[in-house]
Amino acid sequence: REGEEPSLLAVGLDESKKADVKMLYGSFGIRGEFMAGATWEDGGETLRPTCRGGIRRMETKRRGSKRLPDSIVLEGGPLIEGRVWMAPGARLRLKGDKTSVSDGRLIIESCE
């Protein structure tokens, strides 16, 4: 969406803690960068993904839901968009926008 900043979620900044996310939910869509494990670099200026964990599920309302704003419907949404960094082998389940990865709206990265 033009002029809109994507969300940034980084978990596991403390390496002694888990770096997993159970679920991300956005009724009208999810858009952002999501790091399942991250660390600060450059004296706390930059986040770098470490991919120590996973994101189990990302969920939106289903397309065609009766309670969606017209603006979301016109965009073909609700959509899941952005980039996810997580551990190799971690499995992500999508609900709502199930084609976000295959259609290229959501890119899954590992830190290898």
PDB file of N, CA and C in Angstrom:
ATOM      1  N   ARG A   1       0.833  -1.168   0.000  1.00  0.00           N
ATOM      2  CA  ARG A   1       0.000   0.000   0.000  1.00  0.00           C
ATOM      3  C   ARG A   1       0.878   1.230   0.000  1.00  0.00           C
ATOM      4  N   GLU A   2       0.617   2.077  -0.914  1.00  0.00           N
ATOM      5  CA  GLU A   2       1.443   3.257  -1.128  1.00  0.00           C
ATOM      6  C   GLU A   2       1.564   4.117   0.120  1.00  0.00           C
ATOM      7  N   GLY A   3       2.804   4.438   0.486  1.00  0.00           N
ATOM      8  CA  GLY A   3       3.045   5.315   1.616  1.00  0.00           C
ATOM      9  C   GLY A   3       2.924   4.670   2.986  1.00  0.00           C
ATOM     10  N   GLU A   4       2.602   3.412   3.027  1.00  0.00           N
ATOM     11  CA  GLU A   4       2.412   2.715   4.300  1.00  0.00           C
ATOM     12  C   GLU A   4       3.687   1.952   4.664  1.00  0.00           C
ATOM     13  N   GLU A   5       4.160   2.138   5.874  1.00  0.00           N
ATOM     14  CA  GLU A   5       5.354   1.432   6.343  1.00  0.00           C
ATOM     15  C   GLU A   5       4.990   0.010   6.755  1.00  0.00           C
ATOM     16  N   PRO A   6       5.790  -0.983   6.338  1.00  0.00           N
ATOM     17  CA  PRO A   6       5.530  -2.352   6.786  1.00  0.00           C
ATOM     18  C   PRO A   6       5.926  -2.512   8.252  1.00  0.00           C
ATOM     19  N   SER A   7       5.334  -3.485   8.904  1.00  0.00           N
ATOM     20  CA  SER A   7       5.685  -3.805  10.287  1.00  0.00           C
ATOM     21  C   SER A   7       7.031  -4.512  10.328  1.00  0.00           C
ATOM     22  N   LEU A   8       7.701  -4.404  11.466  1.00  0.00           N
ATOM     23  CA  LEU A   8       8.927  -5.151  11.713  1.00  0.00           C
ATOM     24  C   LEU A   8       8.760  -5.870  13.040  1.00  0.00           C
ATOM     25  N   LEU A   9       8.916  -7.186  13.002  1.00  0.00           N
ATOM     26  CA  LEU A   9       8.845  -7.986  14.214  1.00  0.00           C
ATOM     27  C   LEU A   9      10.118  -8.819  14.293  1.00  0.00           C
ATOM     28  N   ALA A  10      10.856  -8.655  15.388  1.00  0.00           N
ATOM     29  CA  ALA A  10      12.069  -9.440  15.620  1.00  0.00           C
ATOM     30  C   ALA A  10      11.962 -10.052  17.009  1.00  0.00           C
ATOM     31  N   VAL A  11      12.049 -11.373  17.088  1.00  0.00           N
ATOM     32  CA  VAL A  11      11.994 -12.069  18.375  1.00  0.00           C
ATOM     33  C   VAL A  11      13.307 -12.796  18.601  1.00  0.00           C
ATOM     34  N   GLY A  12      13.568 -13.142  19.855  1.00  0.00           N
ATOM     35  CA  GLY A  12      14.777 -13.880  20.171  1.00  0.00           C
ATOM     36  C   GLY A  12      16.022 -13.016  20.212  1.00  0.00           C
ATOM     37  N   LEU A  13      15.863 -11.732  20.556  1.00  0.00           N
ATOM     38  CA  LEU A  13      17.023 -10.841  20.643  1.00  0.00           C
ATOM     39  C   LEU A  13      17.952 -11.251  21.785  1.00  0.00           C
ATOM     40  N   ASP A  14      17.398 -11.867  22.795  1.00  0.00           N
ATOM     41  CA  ASP A  14      18.179 -12.433  23.887  1.00  0.00           C
ATOM     42  C   ASP A  14      18.442 -13.893  23.521  1.00  0.00           C
ATOM     43  N   GLU A  15      19.674 -14.230  23.229  1.00  0.00           N
ATOM     44  CA  GLU A  15      19.989 -15.575  22.739  1.00  0.00           C
ATOM     45  C   GLU A  15      19.707 -16.675  23.754  1.00  0.00           C
ATOM     46  N   SER A  16      19.479 -16.311  25.009  1.00  0.00           N
ATOM     47  CA  SER A  16      19.139 -17.326  26.006  1.00  0.00           C
ATOM     48  C   SER A  16      17.645 -17.651  25.990  1.00  0.00           C
ATOM     49  N   LYS A  17      16.869 -16.926  25.196  1.00  0.00           N
ATOM     50  CA  LYS A  17      15.421 -17.138  25.093  1.00  0.00           C
ATOM     51  C   LYS A  17      15.075 -17.764  23.746  1.00  0.00           C
ATOM     52  N   LYS A  18      13.901 -18.365  23.675  1.00  0.00           N
ATOM     53  CA  LYS A  18      13.417 -18.943  22.419  1.00  0.00           C
ATOM     54  C   LYS A  18      13.173 -17.847  21.386  1.00  0.00           C
ATOM     55  N   ALA A  19      13.199 -18.245  20.133  1.00  0.00           N
ATOM     56  CA  ALA A  19      12.997 -17.291  19.038  1.00  0.00           C
ATOM     57  C   ALA A  19      11.845 -17.733  18.149  1.00  0.00           C
ATOM     58  N   ASP A  20      10.785 -18.256  18.758  1.00  0.00           N
ATOM     59  CA  ASP A  20       9.647 -18.769  18.003  1.00  0.00           C
ATOM     60  C   ASP A  20       8.428 -17.859  18.164  1.00  0.00           C
ATOM     61  N   VAL A  21       7.619 -17.806  17.105  1.00  0.00           N
ATOM     62  CA  VAL A  21       6.351 -17.083  17.121  1.00  0.00           C
ATOM     63  C   VAL A  21       5.261 -18.113  16.863  1.00  0.00           C
ATOM     64  N   LYS A  22       4.256 -18.152  17.732  1.00  0.00           N
ATOM     65  CA  LYS A  22       3.169 -19.116  17.537  1.00  0.00           C
ATOM     66  C   LYS A  22       2.241 -18.694  16.416  1.00  0.00           C
ATOM     67  N   MET A  23       1.808 -17.415  16.430  1.00  0.00           N
ATOM     68  CA  MET A  23       0.866 -16.976  15.407  1.00  0.00           C
ATOM     69  C   MET A  23       0.931 -15.467  15.209  1.00  0.00           C
ATOM     70  N   LEU A  24       0.823 -15.057  13.947  1.00  0.00           N
ATOM     71  CA  LEU A  24       0.632 -13.662  13.585  1.00  0.00           C
ATOM     72  C   LEU A  24      -0.737 -13.575  12.935  1.00  0.00           C
ATOM     73  N   TYR A  25      -1.582 -12.670  13.421  1.00  0.00           N
ATOM     74  CA  TYR A  25      -2.936 -12.548  12.889  1.00  0.00           C
ATOM     75  C   TYR A  25      -3.217 -11.104  12.503  1.00  0.00           C
ATOM     76  N   GLY A  26      -3.763 -10.934  11.324  1.00  0.00           N
ATOM     77  CA  GLY A  26      -4.205  -9.619  10.863  1.00  0.00           C
ATOM     78  C   GLY A  26      -5.517  -9.775  10.130  1.00  0.00           C
ATOM     79  N   SER A  27      -6.595  -9.292  10.702  1.00  0.00           N
ATOM     80  CA  SER A  27      -7.920  -9.454  10.087  1.00  0.00           C
ATOM     81  C   SER A  27      -7.930  -9.005   8.632  1.00  0.00           C
ATOM     82  N   PHE A  28      -7.307  -7.846   8.375  1.00  0.00           N
ATOM     83  CA  PHE A  28      -7.359  -7.255   7.035  1.00  0.00           C
ATOM     84  C   PHE A  28      -6.057  -7.430   6.265  1.00  0.00           C
ATOM     85  N   GLY A  29      -5.151  -8.266   6.772  1.00  0.00           N
ATOM     86  CA  GLY A  29      -3.898  -8.557   6.088  1.00  0.00           C
ATOM     87  C   GLY A  29      -2.709  -8.429   7.014  1.00  0.00           C
ATOM     88  N   ILE A  30      -1.596  -8.966   6.562  1.00  0.00           N
ATOM     89  CA  ILE A  30      -0.334  -8.901   7.288  1.00  0.00           C
ATOM     90  C   ILE A  30       0.714  -8.424   6.288  1.00  0.00           C
ATOM     91  N   ARG A  31       1.485  -7.418   6.686  1.00  0.00           N
ATOM     92  CA  ARG A  31       2.524  -6.886   5.798  1.00  0.00           C
ATOM     93  C   ARG A  31       3.718  -6.482   6.646  1.00  0.00           C
ATOM     94  N   GLY A  32       4.883  -7.059   6.354  1.00  0.00           N
ATOM     95  CA  GLY A  32       6.053  -6.660   7.110  1.00  0.00           C
ATOM     96  C   GLY A  32       7.230  -7.587   6.942  1.00  0.00           C
ATOM     97  N   GLU A  33       8.200  -7.377   7.825  1.00  0.00           N
ATOM     98  CA  GLU A  33       9.385  -8.205   7.901  1.00  0.00           C
ATOM     99  C   GLU A  33       9.379  -8.875   9.268  1.00  0.00           C
ATOM    100  N   PHE A  34       9.585 -10.180   9.279  1.00  0.00           N
ATOM    101  CA  PHE A  34       9.429 -10.974  10.491  1.00  0.00           C
ATOM    102  C   PHE A  34      10.665 -11.845  10.686  1.00  0.00           C
ATOM    103  N   MET A  35      11.368 -11.633  11.795  1.00  0.00           N
ATOM    104  CA  MET A  35      12.615 -12.348  12.074  1.00  0.00           C
ATOM    105  C   MET A  35      12.435 -13.262  13.278  1.00  0.00           C
ATOM    106  N   ALA A  36      12.515 -14.565  13.039  1.00  0.00           N
ATOM    107  CA  ALA A  36      12.452 -15.541  14.129  1.00  0.00           C
ATOM    108  C   ALA A  36      13.884 -15.796  14.585  1.00  0.00           C
ATOM    109  N   GLY A  37      14.363 -14.877  15.389  1.00  0.00           N
ATOM    110  CA  GLY A  37      15.750 -14.833  15.830  1.00  0.00           C
ATOM    111  C   GLY A  37      16.436 -13.661  15.168  1.00  0.00           C
ATOM    112  N   ALA A  38      16.998 -12.777  15.978  1.00  0.00           N
ATOM    113  CA  ALA A  38      17.686 -11.599  15.441  1.00  0.00           C
ATOM    114  C   ALA A  38      18.702 -11.095  16.454  1.00  0.00           C
ATOM    115  N   THR A  39      19.610 -10.280  15.968  1.00  0.00           N
ATOM    116  CA  THR A  39      20.606  -9.663  16.834  1.00  0.00           C
ATOM    117  C   THR A  39      20.848  -8.232  16.377  1.00  0.00           C
ATOM    118  N   TRP A  40      21.272  -7.386  17.317  1.00  0.00           N
ATOM    119  CA  TRP A  40      21.600  -5.996  16.993  1.00  0.00           C
ATOM    120  C   TRP A  40      23.041  -5.919  16.500  1.00  0.00           C
ATOM    121  N   GLU A  41      23.263  -5.106  15.476  1.00  0.00           N
ATOM    122  CA  GLU A  41      24.605  -4.826  14.978  1.00  0.00           C
ATOM    123  C   GLU A  41      24.795  -3.320  14.919  1.00  0.00           C
ATOM    124  N   ASP A  42      26.004  -2.896  14.640  1.00  0.00           N
ATOM    125  CA  ASP A  42      26.324  -1.466  14.501  1.00  0.00           C
ATOM    126  C   ASP A  42      25.917  -0.672  15.729  1.00  0.00           C
ATOM    127  N   GLY A  43      26.234  -1.224  16.903  1.00  0.00           N
ATOM    128  CA  GLY A  43      25.932  -0.516  18.136  1.00  0.00           C
ATOM    129  C   GLY A  43      24.452  -0.318  18.388  1.00  0.00           C
ATOM    130  N   GLY A  44      23.643  -1.261  17.921  1.00  0.00           N
ATOM    131  CA  GLY A  44      22.200  -1.170  18.146  1.00  0.00           C
ATOM    132  C   GLY A  44      21.444  -0.396  17.079  1.00  0.00           C
ATOM    133  N   GLU A  45      22.086  -0.152  15.950  1.00  0.00           N
ATOM    134  CA  GLU A  45      21.448   0.602  14.853  1.00  0.00           C
ATOM    135  C   GLU A  45      20.745  -0.304  13.844  1.00  0.00           C
ATOM    136  N   THR A  46      21.223  -1.547  13.714  1.00  0.00           N
ATOM    137  CA  THR A  46      20.735  -2.433  12.655  1.00  0.00           C
ATOM    138  C   THR A  46      20.370  -3.794  13.236  1.00  0.00           C
ATOM    139  N   LEU A  47      19.218  -4.316  12.820  1.00  0.00           N
ATOM    140  CA  LEU A  47      18.825  -5.676  13.178  1.00  0.00           C
ATOM    141  C   LEU A  47      19.270  -6.637  12.079  1.00  0.00           C
ATOM    142  N   ARG A  48      19.869  -7.752  12.478  1.00  0.00           N
ATOM    143  CA  ARG A  48      20.256  -8.779  11.526  1.00  0.00           C
ATOM    144  C   ARG A  48      19.575 -10.076  11.928  1.00  0.00           C
ATOM    145  N   PRO A  49      18.874 -10.737  10.989  1.00  0.00           N
ATOM    146  CA  PRO A  49      18.227 -12.011  11.330  1.00  0.00           C
ATOM    147  C   PRO A  49      19.266 -13.099  11.612  1.00  0.00           C
ATOM    148  N   THR A  50      18.966 -13.942  12.607  1.00  0.00           N
ATOM    149  CA  THR A  50      19.824 -15.080  12.932  1.00  0.00           C
ATOM    150  C   THR A  50      19.131 -16.419  12.655  1.00  0.00           C
ATOM    151  N   CYS A  51      17.839 -16.391  12.416  1.00  0.00           N
ATOM    152  CA  CYS A  51      17.079 -17.583  12.026  1.00  0.00           C
ATOM    153  C   CYS A  51      17.203 -18.718  13.039  1.00  0.00           C
ATOM    154  N   ARG A  52      17.041 -18.398  14.323  1.00  0.00           N
ATOM    155  CA  ARG A  52      17.123 -19.417  15.374  1.00  0.00           C
ATOM    156  C   ARG A  52      15.787 -20.090  15.639  1.00  0.00           C
ATOM    157  N   GLY A  53      14.699 -19.539  15.129  1.00  0.00           N
ATOM    158  CA  GLY A  53      13.378 -20.081  15.430  1.00  0.00           C
ATOM    159  C   GLY A  53      12.488 -20.136  14.212  1.00  0.00           C
ATOM    160  N   GLY A  54      11.207 -20.259  14.470  1.00  0.00           N
ATOM    161  CA  GLY A  54      10.243 -20.347  13.386  1.00  0.00           C
ATOM    162  C   GLY A  54       8.975 -19.575  13.697  1.00  0.00           C
ATOM    163  N   ILE A  55       8.163 -19.408  12.678  1.00  0.00           N
ATOM    164  CA  ILE A  55       6.834 -18.810  12.815  1.00  0.00           C
ATOM    165  C   ILE A  55       5.860 -19.912  12.437  1.00  0.00           C
ATOM    166  N   ARG A  56       5.033 -20.316  13.382  1.00  0.00           N
ATOM    167  CA  ARG A  56       4.157 -21.464  13.131  1.00  0.00           C
ATOM    168  C   ARG A  56       3.001 -21.142  12.199  1.00  0.00           C
ATOM    169  N   ARG A  57       2.398 -19.954  12.373  1.00  0.00           N
ATOM    170  CA  ARG A  57       1.184 -19.673  11.593  1.00  0.00           C
ATOM    171  C   ARG A  57       1.036 -18.179  11.345  1.00  0.00           C
ATOM    172  N   MET A  58       0.609 -17.842  10.123  1.00  0.00           N
ATOM    173  CA  MET A  58       0.212 -16.480   9.762  1.00  0.00           C
ATOM    174  C   MET A  58      -1.212 -16.591   9.237  1.00  0.00           C
ATOM    175  N   GLU A  59      -2.095 -15.751   9.766  1.00  0.00           N
ATOM    176  CA  GLU A  59      -3.510 -15.909   9.451  1.00  0.00           C
ATOM    177  C   GLU A  59      -4.197 -14.563   9.225  1.00  0.00           C
ATOM    178  N   THR A  60      -5.073 -14.531   8.213  1.00  0.00           N
ATOM    179  CA  THR A  60      -5.946 -13.390   7.949  1.00  0.00           C
ATOM    180  C   THR A  60      -7.378 -13.908   7.830  1.00  0.00           C
ATOM    181  N   LYS A  61      -8.313 -12.976   7.753  1.00  0.00           N
ATOM    182  CA  LYS A  61      -9.669 -13.389   7.380  1.00  0.00           C
ATOM    183  C   LYS A  61      -9.602 -13.953   5.970  1.00  0.00           C
ATOM    184  N   ARG A  62     -10.518 -14.827   5.652  1.00  0.00           N
ATOM    185  CA  ARG A  62     -10.506 -15.417   4.318  1.00  0.00           C
ATOM    186  C   ARG A  62     -11.042 -14.430   3.289  1.00  0.00           C
ATOM    187  N   ARG A  63     -10.582 -14.604   2.068  1.00  0.00           N
ATOM    188  CA  ARG A  63     -11.097 -13.778   0.971  1.00  0.00           C
ATOM    189  C   ARG A  63     -12.583 -14.049   0.818  1.00  0.00           C
ATOM    190  N   GLY A  64     -13.321 -13.002   0.545  1.00  0.00           N
ATOM    191  CA  GLY A  64     -14.758 -13.146   0.389  1.00  0.00           C
ATOM    192  C   GLY A  64     -15.517 -13.043   1.685  1.00  0.00           C
ATOM    193  N   SER A  65     -14.823 -12.853   2.788  1.00  0.00           N
ATOM    194  CA  SER A  65     -15.491 -12.679   4.075  1.00  0.00           C
ATOM    195  C   SER A  65     -16.416 -11.464   4.002  1.00  0.00           C
ATOM    196  N   LYS A  66     -17.553 -11.549   4.628  1.00  0.00           N
ATOM    197  CA  LYS A  66     -18.567 -10.498   4.515  1.00  0.00           C
ATOM    198  C   LYS A  66     -18.205  -9.207   5.244  1.00  0.00           C
ATOM    199  N   ARG A  67     -17.262  -9.272   6.165  1.00  0.00           N
ATOM    200  CA  ARG A  67     -16.944  -8.089   6.969  1.00  0.00           C
ATOM    201  C   ARG A  67     -15.618  -7.457   6.593  1.00  0.00           C
ATOM    202  N   LEU A  68     -15.312  -7.432   5.311  1.00  0.00           N
ATOM    203  CA  LEU A  68     -14.079  -6.799   4.849  1.00  0.00           C
ATOM    204  C   LEU A  68     -14.380  -5.425   4.269  1.00  0.00           C
ATOM    205  N   PRO A  69     -13.537  -4.439   4.554  1.00  0.00           N
ATOM    206  CA  PRO A  69     -13.704  -3.126   3.928  1.00  0.00           C
ATOM    207  C   PRO A  69     -13.535  -3.225   2.412  1.00  0.00           C
ATOM    208  N   ASP A  70     -14.230  -2.384   1.679  1.00  0.00           N
ATOM    209  CA  ASP A  70     -14.145  -2.392   0.217  1.00  0.00           C
ATOM    210  C   ASP A  70     -12.711  -2.228  -0.266  1.00  0.00           C
ATOM    211  N   SER A  71     -11.918  -1.403   0.410  1.00  0.00           N
ATOM    212  CA  SER A  71     -10.535  -1.170  -0.021  1.00  0.00           C
ATOM    213  C   SER A  71      -9.711  -2.463   0.014  1.00  0.00           C
ATOM    214  N   ILE A  72      -9.960  -3.323   0.975  1.00  0.00           N
ATOM    215  CA  ILE A  72      -9.248  -4.595   1.072  1.00  0.00           C
ATOM    216  C   ILE A  72      -9.704  -5.536  -0.039  1.00  0.00           C
ATOM    217  N   VAL A  73     -11.003  -5.580  -0.286  1.00  0.00           N
ATOM    218  CA  VAL A  73     -11.563  -6.438  -1.334  1.00  0.00           C
ATOM    219  C   VAL A  73     -11.039  -6.012  -2.710  1.00  0.00           C
ATOM    220  N   LEU A  74     -10.969  -4.712  -2.966  1.00  0.00           N
ATOM    221  CA  LEU A  74     -10.486  -4.210  -4.257  1.00  0.00           C
ATOM    222  C   LEU A  74      -9.024  -4.589  -4.514  1.00  0.00           C
ATOM    223  N   GLU A  75      -8.234  -4.732  -3.448  1.00  0.00           N
ATOM    224  CA  GLU A  75      -6.834  -5.151  -3.578  1.00  0.00           C
ATOM    225  C   GLU A  75      -6.709  -6.662  -3.735  1.00  0.00           C
ATOM    226  N   GLY A  76      -7.821  -7.389  -3.618  1.00  0.00           N
ATOM    227  CA  GLY A  76      -7.781  -8.841  -3.715  1.00  0.00           C
ATOM    228  C   GLY A  76      -7.485  -9.512  -2.386  1.00  0.00           C
ATOM    229  N   GLY A  77      -7.613  -8.770  -1.316  1.00  0.00           N
ATOM    230  CA  GLY A  77      -7.195  -9.248  -0.002  1.00  0.00           C
ATOM    231  C   GLY A  77      -8.311  -9.818   0.833  1.00  0.00           C
ATOM    232  N   PRO A  78      -7.950 -10.070   2.054  1.00  0.00           N
ATOM    233  CA  PRO A  78      -6.736  -9.696   2.770  1.00  0.00           C
ATOM    234  C   PRO A  78      -5.523 -10.519   2.327  1.00  0.00           C
ATOM    235  N   LEU A  79      -4.357  -9.851   2.284  1.00  0.00           N
ATOM    236  CA  LEU A  79      -3.134 -10.466   1.791  1.00  0.00           C
ATOM    237  C   LEU A  79      -2.096 -10.618   2.898  1.00  0.00           C
ATOM    238  N   ILE A  80      -1.224 -11.585   2.706  1.00  0.00           N
ATOM    239  CA  ILE A  80      -0.045 -11.744   3.550  1.00  0.00           C
ATOM    240  C   ILE A  80       1.154 -11.403   2.667  1.00  0.00           C
ATOM    241  N   GLU A  81       1.894 -10.348   3.062  1.00  0.00           N
ATOM    242  CA  GLU A  81       2.978  -9.832   2.226  1.00  0.00           C
ATOM    243  C   GLU A  81       4.218  -9.560   3.065  1.00  0.00           C
ATOM    244  N   GLY A  82       5.373  -9.715   2.454  1.00  0.00           N
ATOM    245  CA  GLY A  82       6.598  -9.340   3.127  1.00  0.00           C
ATOM    246  C   GLY A  82       7.663 -10.412   3.048  1.00  0.00           C
ATOM    247  N   ARG A  83       8.449 -10.481   4.128  1.00  0.00           N
ATOM    248  CA  ARG A  83       9.594 -11.378   4.178  1.00  0.00           C
ATOM    249  C   ARG A  83       9.695 -11.970   5.574  1.00  0.00           C
ATOM    250  N   VAL A  84       9.978 -13.272   5.618  1.00  0.00           N
ATOM    251  CA  VAL A  84      10.121 -14.005   6.870  1.00  0.00           C
ATOM    252  C   VAL A  84      11.504 -14.639   6.888  1.00  0.00           C
ATOM    253  N   TRP A  85      12.225 -14.466   7.995  1.00  0.00           N
ATOM    254  CA  TRP A  85      13.494 -15.155   8.211  1.00  0.00           C
ATOM    255  C   TRP A  85      13.272 -16.157   9.325  1.00  0.00           C
ATOM    256  N   MET A  86      13.547 -17.443   9.052  1.00  0.00           N
ATOM    257  CA  MET A  86      13.391 -18.463  10.086  1.00  0.00           C
ATOM    258  C   MET A  86      14.344 -19.621   9.836  1.00  0.00           C
ATOM    259  N   ALA A  87      14.442 -20.486  10.835  1.00  0.00           N
ATOM    260  CA  ALA A  87      15.384 -21.596  10.787  1.00  0.00           C
ATOM    261  C   ALA A  87      15.074 -22.536   9.629  1.00  0.00           C
ATOM    262  N   PRO A  88      16.127 -23.092   9.017  1.00  0.00           N
ATOM    263  CA  PRO A  88      15.910 -24.100   7.981  1.00  0.00           C
ATOM    264  C   PRO A  88      15.083 -25.256   8.556  1.00  0.00           C
ATOM    265  N   GLY A  89      14.122 -25.707   7.808  1.00  0.00           N
ATOM    266  CA  GLY A  89      13.264 -26.798   8.253  1.00  0.00           C
ATOM    267  C   GLY A  89      12.051 -26.363   9.057  1.00  0.00           C
ATOM    268  N   ALA A  90      12.011 -25.105   9.499  1.00  0.00           N
ATOM    269  CA  ALA A  90      10.827 -24.617  10.222  1.00  0.00           C
ATOM    270  C   ALA A  90       9.652 -24.570   9.256  1.00  0.00           C
ATOM    271  N   ARG A  91       8.485 -24.960   9.737  1.00  0.00           N
ATOM    272  CA  ARG A  91       7.296 -25.002   8.876  1.00  0.00           C
ATOM    273  C   ARG A  91       6.363 -23.860   9.222  1.00  0.00           C
ATOM    274  N   LEU A  92       5.914 -23.165   8.210  1.00  0.00           N
ATOM    275  CA  LEU A  92       4.982 -22.054   8.348  1.00  0.00           C
ATOM    276  C   LEU A  92       3.639 -22.464   7.755  1.00  0.00           C
ATOM    277  N   ARG A  93       2.585 -22.309   8.540  1.00  0.00           N
ATOM    278  CA  ARG A  93       1.234 -22.614   8.070  1.00  0.00           C
ATOM    279  C   ARG A  93       0.537 -21.295   7.764  1.00  0.00           C
ATOM    280  N   LEU A  94      -0.072 -21.206   6.602  1.00  0.00           N
ATOM    281  CA  LEU A  94      -0.804 -20.010   6.188  1.00  0.00           C
ATOM    282  C   LEU A  94      -2.293 -20.280   6.214  1.00  0.00           C
ATOM    283  N   LYS A  95      -3.042 -19.331   6.735  1.00  0.00           N
ATOM    284  CA  LYS A  95      -4.494 -19.448   6.736  1.00  0.00           C
ATOM    285  C   LYS A  95      -5.061 -18.115   6.264  1.00  0.00           C
ATOM    286  N   GLY A  96      -6.026 -18.177   5.385  1.00  0.00           N
ATOM    287  CA  GLY A  96      -6.570 -16.962   4.775  1.00  0.00           C
ATOM    288  C   GLY A  96      -5.960 -16.811   3.389  1.00  0.00           C
ATOM    289  N   ASP A  97      -4.828 -16.144   3.297  1.00  0.00           N
ATOM    290  CA  ASP A  97      -4.100 -15.967   2.037  1.00  0.00           C
ATOM    291  C   ASP A  97      -3.111 -17.117   1.877  1.00  0.00           C
ATOM    292  N   LYS A  98      -3.616 -18.272   1.470  1.00  0.00           N
ATOM    293  CA  LYS A  98      -2.797 -19.485   1.393  1.00  0.00           C
ATOM    294  C   LYS A  98      -1.821 -19.484   0.223  1.00  0.00           C
ATOM    295  N   THR A  99      -1.988 -18.574  -0.733  1.00  0.00           N
ATOM    296  CA  THR A  99      -1.107 -18.559  -1.908  1.00  0.00           C
ATOM    297  C   THR A  99      -0.055 -17.458  -1.832  1.00  0.00           C
ATOM    298  N   SER A 100       0.130 -16.863  -0.660  1.00  0.00           N
ATOM    299  CA  SER A 100       1.065 -15.735  -0.555  1.00  0.00           C
ATOM    300  C   SER A 100       2.497 -16.125  -0.919  1.00  0.00           C
ATOM    301  N   VAL A 101       2.931 -17.333  -0.556  1.00  0.00           N
ATOM    302  CA  VAL A 101       4.291 -17.765  -0.896  1.00  0.00           C
ATOM    303  C   VAL A 101       4.367 -18.121  -2.377  1.00  0.00           C
ATOM    304  N   SER A 102       3.461 -18.945  -2.852  1.00  0.00           N
ATOM    305  CA  SER A 102       3.515 -19.376  -4.258  1.00  0.00           C
ATOM    306  C   SER A 102       3.305 -18.217  -5.227  1.00  0.00           C
ATOM    307  N   ASP A 103       2.572 -17.185  -4.809  1.00  0.00           N
ATOM    308  CA  ASP A 103       2.364 -16.016  -5.663  1.00  0.00           C
ATOM    309  C   ASP A 103       3.452 -14.954  -5.499  1.00  0.00           C
ATOM    310  N   GLY A 104       4.400 -15.188  -4.589  1.00  0.00           N
ATOM    311  CA  GLY A 104       5.528 -14.274  -4.431  1.00  0.00           C
ATOM    312  C   GLY A 104       5.296 -13.065  -3.540  1.00  0.00           C
ATOM    313  N   ARG A 105       4.175 -13.026  -2.833  1.00  0.00           N
ATOM    314  CA  ARG A 105       3.916 -11.896  -1.926  1.00  0.00           C
ATOM    315  C   ARG A 105       4.664 -12.041  -0.608  1.00  0.00           C
ATOM    316  N   LEU A 106       4.922 -13.290  -0.201  1.00  0.00           N
ATOM    317  CA  LEU A 106       5.650 -13.565   1.030  1.00  0.00           C
ATOM    318  C   LEU A 106       6.886 -14.399   0.667  1.00  0.00           C
ATOM    319  N   ILE A 107       8.045 -13.878   1.039  1.00  0.00           N
ATOM    320  CA  ILE A 107       9.311 -14.537   0.735  1.00  0.00           C
ATOM    321  C   ILE A 107       9.858 -15.126   2.022  1.00  0.00           C
ATOM    322  N   ILE A 108      10.202 -16.395   1.990  1.00  0.00           N
ATOM    323  CA  ILE A 108      10.745 -17.068   3.172  1.00  0.00           C
ATOM    324  C   ILE A 108      12.250 -17.230   2.968  1.00  0.00           C
ATOM    325  N   GLU A 109      13.003 -16.714   3.953  1.00  0.00           N
ATOM    326  CA  GLU A 109      14.463 -16.733   3.903  1.00  0.00           C
ATOM    327  C   GLU A 109      15.001 -17.592   5.050  1.00  0.00           C
ATOM    328  N   SER A 110      16.181 -18.155   4.841  1.00  0.00           N
ATOM    329  CA  SER A 110      16.926 -18.760   5.940  1.00  0.00           C
ATOM    330  C   SER A 110      18.282 -18.056   5.974  1.00  0.00           C
ATOM    331  N   CYS A 111      18.991 -18.224   7.041  1.00  0.00           N
ATOM    332  CA  CYS A 111      20.257 -17.493   7.220  1.00  0.00           C
ATOM    333  C   CYS A 111      21.469 -18.328   6.840  1.00  0.00           C
ATOM    334  N   GLU A 112      21.298 -19.307   6.005  1.00  0.00           N
ATOM    335  CA  GLU A 112      22.424 -20.161   5.590  1.00  0.00           C
ATOM    336  C   GLU A 112      23.255 -19.478   4.537  1.00  0.00           C
TER     337      GLU A 112
END
